[in-house]
Protein backbone atom coordinates (compact mmCIF):
# COMPACT_ATOMS: atom_id res chain seq x y z
CA MET A 1 15.23 3.29 -9.99
CA GLY A 2 12.44 0.78 -9.42
CA THR A 3 9.02 1.46 -7.95
CA ALA A 4 6.43 -1.06 -6.80
CA LEU A 5 2.79 -0.09 -6.45
CA TYR A 6 0.33 -1.82 -4.14
CA GLU A 7 -3.46 -1.60 -4.15
CA PRO A 8 -5.78 -2.57 -1.29
CA SER A 9 -7.69 -5.82 -1.47
CA PHE A 10 -10.91 -4.68 0.19
CA GLU A 11 -12.30 -8.21 0.36
CA SER A 12 -9.35 -9.13 2.64
CA PHE A 13 -10.37 -6.57 5.30
CA LYS A 14 -10.67 -8.17 8.75
CA LEU A 15 -11.64 -6.92 12.18
CA GLU A 16 -10.59 -9.15 15.06
CA GLU A 17 -11.23 -7.65 18.47
CA GLU A 18 -9.53 -4.23 18.17
CA LYS A 19 -7.23 -5.12 15.25
CA TYR A 20 -8.02 -4.07 11.71
CA SER A 21 -6.03 -5.65 8.87
CA MET A 22 -5.98 -5.66 5.08
CA LYS A 23 -3.81 -7.06 2.30
CA TYR A 24 -2.37 -4.97 -0.51
CA HIS A 25 -1.35 -6.67 -3.78
CA ASN A 26 1.42 -5.63 -6.19
CA VAL A 27 -0.24 -4.20 -9.32
CA TYR A 28 2.64 -5.50 -11.46
CA GLY A 29 1.74 -9.09 -10.61
CA GLY A 30 3.67 -11.90 -9.05
CA ASP A 31 3.12 -13.42 -5.63
CA CYS A 32 4.00 -10.31 -3.64
CA TRP A 33 1.71 -8.65 -1.14
CA LEU A 34 1.64 -6.57 2.03
CA ARG A 35 -0.42 -7.03 5.18
CA ILE A 36 -0.98 -3.93 7.28
CA THR A 37 -2.56 -4.19 10.73
CA TYR A 38 -3.87 -1.29 12.78
CA ASN A 39 -4.26 -2.03 16.49
CA ALA A 40 -6.66 0.41 18.12
CA GLY A 41 -6.53 -1.45 21.43
CA ASP A 42 -2.90 -0.89 22.37
CA GLY A 43 -2.63 2.84 22.02
CA ILE A 44 -3.07 2.87 18.24
CA THR A 45 -0.15 1.21 16.48
CA TYR A 46 0.59 -0.06 12.99
CA HIS A 47 2.38 -3.24 11.88
CA GLY A 48 3.29 -4.05 8.30
CA GLU A 49 4.72 -7.21 6.75
CA LYS A 50 5.82 -7.88 3.17
CA PHE A 51 5.49 -11.33 1.62
CA MET A 52 7.03 -12.82 -1.52
CA ASN A 53 6.14 -16.31 -2.71
CA GLY A 54 4.47 -17.06 0.61
CA LYS A 55 7.48 -16.04 2.74
CA SER A 56 7.94 -12.97 4.90
CA VAL A 57 10.70 -10.71 3.52
CA GLY A 58 10.41 -7.77 5.92
CA MET A 59 8.33 -6.01 8.52
CA ALA A 60 8.02 -2.67 10.27
CA ASP A 61 6.16 -1.26 13.25
CA GLY A 62 5.03 2.26 14.05
CA GLY A 63 3.13 4.27 16.59
CA ALA A 64 0.01 6.32 16.05
CA ASP A 65 1.51 8.38 13.21
CA TRP A 66 0.58 6.77 9.87
CA LYS A 67 3.12 8.84 7.92
CA MET A 68 6.02 7.81 10.16
CA PHE A 69 4.97 4.16 10.00
CA PHE A 70 4.74 4.37 6.21
CA VAL A 71 8.25 5.87 5.98
CA HIS A 72 9.67 2.99 8.01
CA PHE A 73 7.70 0.35 6.10
CA THR A 74 8.68 1.60 2.66
CA ALA A 75 12.31 1.92 3.75
CA LEU A 76 12.46 -1.86 3.34
CA GLY A 77 12.80 -1.14 -0.37
CA LEU A 78 12.29 -3.65 -3.15
CA ALA A 79 12.87 -7.33 -2.42
CA ASN A 80 14.77 -9.59 -4.82
CA SER A 81 12.49 -10.55 -7.74
CA GLU A 82 9.74 -8.12 -6.67
CA ARG A 83 7.93 -6.91 -9.77
CA CYS A 84 8.23 -3.19 -10.32
CA GLU A 85 8.41 -0.39 -12.87
CA PHE A 86 11.87 0.89 -13.75
CA GLU A 87 12.70 4.52 -14.48
CA ASP A 88 16.00 5.88 -15.75
CA ILE A 89 16.95 8.78 -13.48
CA GLY A 90 20.28 9.06 -15.25
């Protein structure tokens, strides 16, 4: 089983009108990052997009419930060549 871990890049935080966004970078390196946007102006929704080598490889949307959004976003799983830590669950 492989697991990727992402940490927030606080210097990437942006506020544009009622949208808050921030990037999260893969701690294992490589050119892989997430952008999560929170839109407080449209009834509070979340949008997430995963990028590898400058290209979008998946996205997910969710309502006001952060946990439900996170479940849908992480269901994308690992992308091909995404750096991760492997664990034998054998």
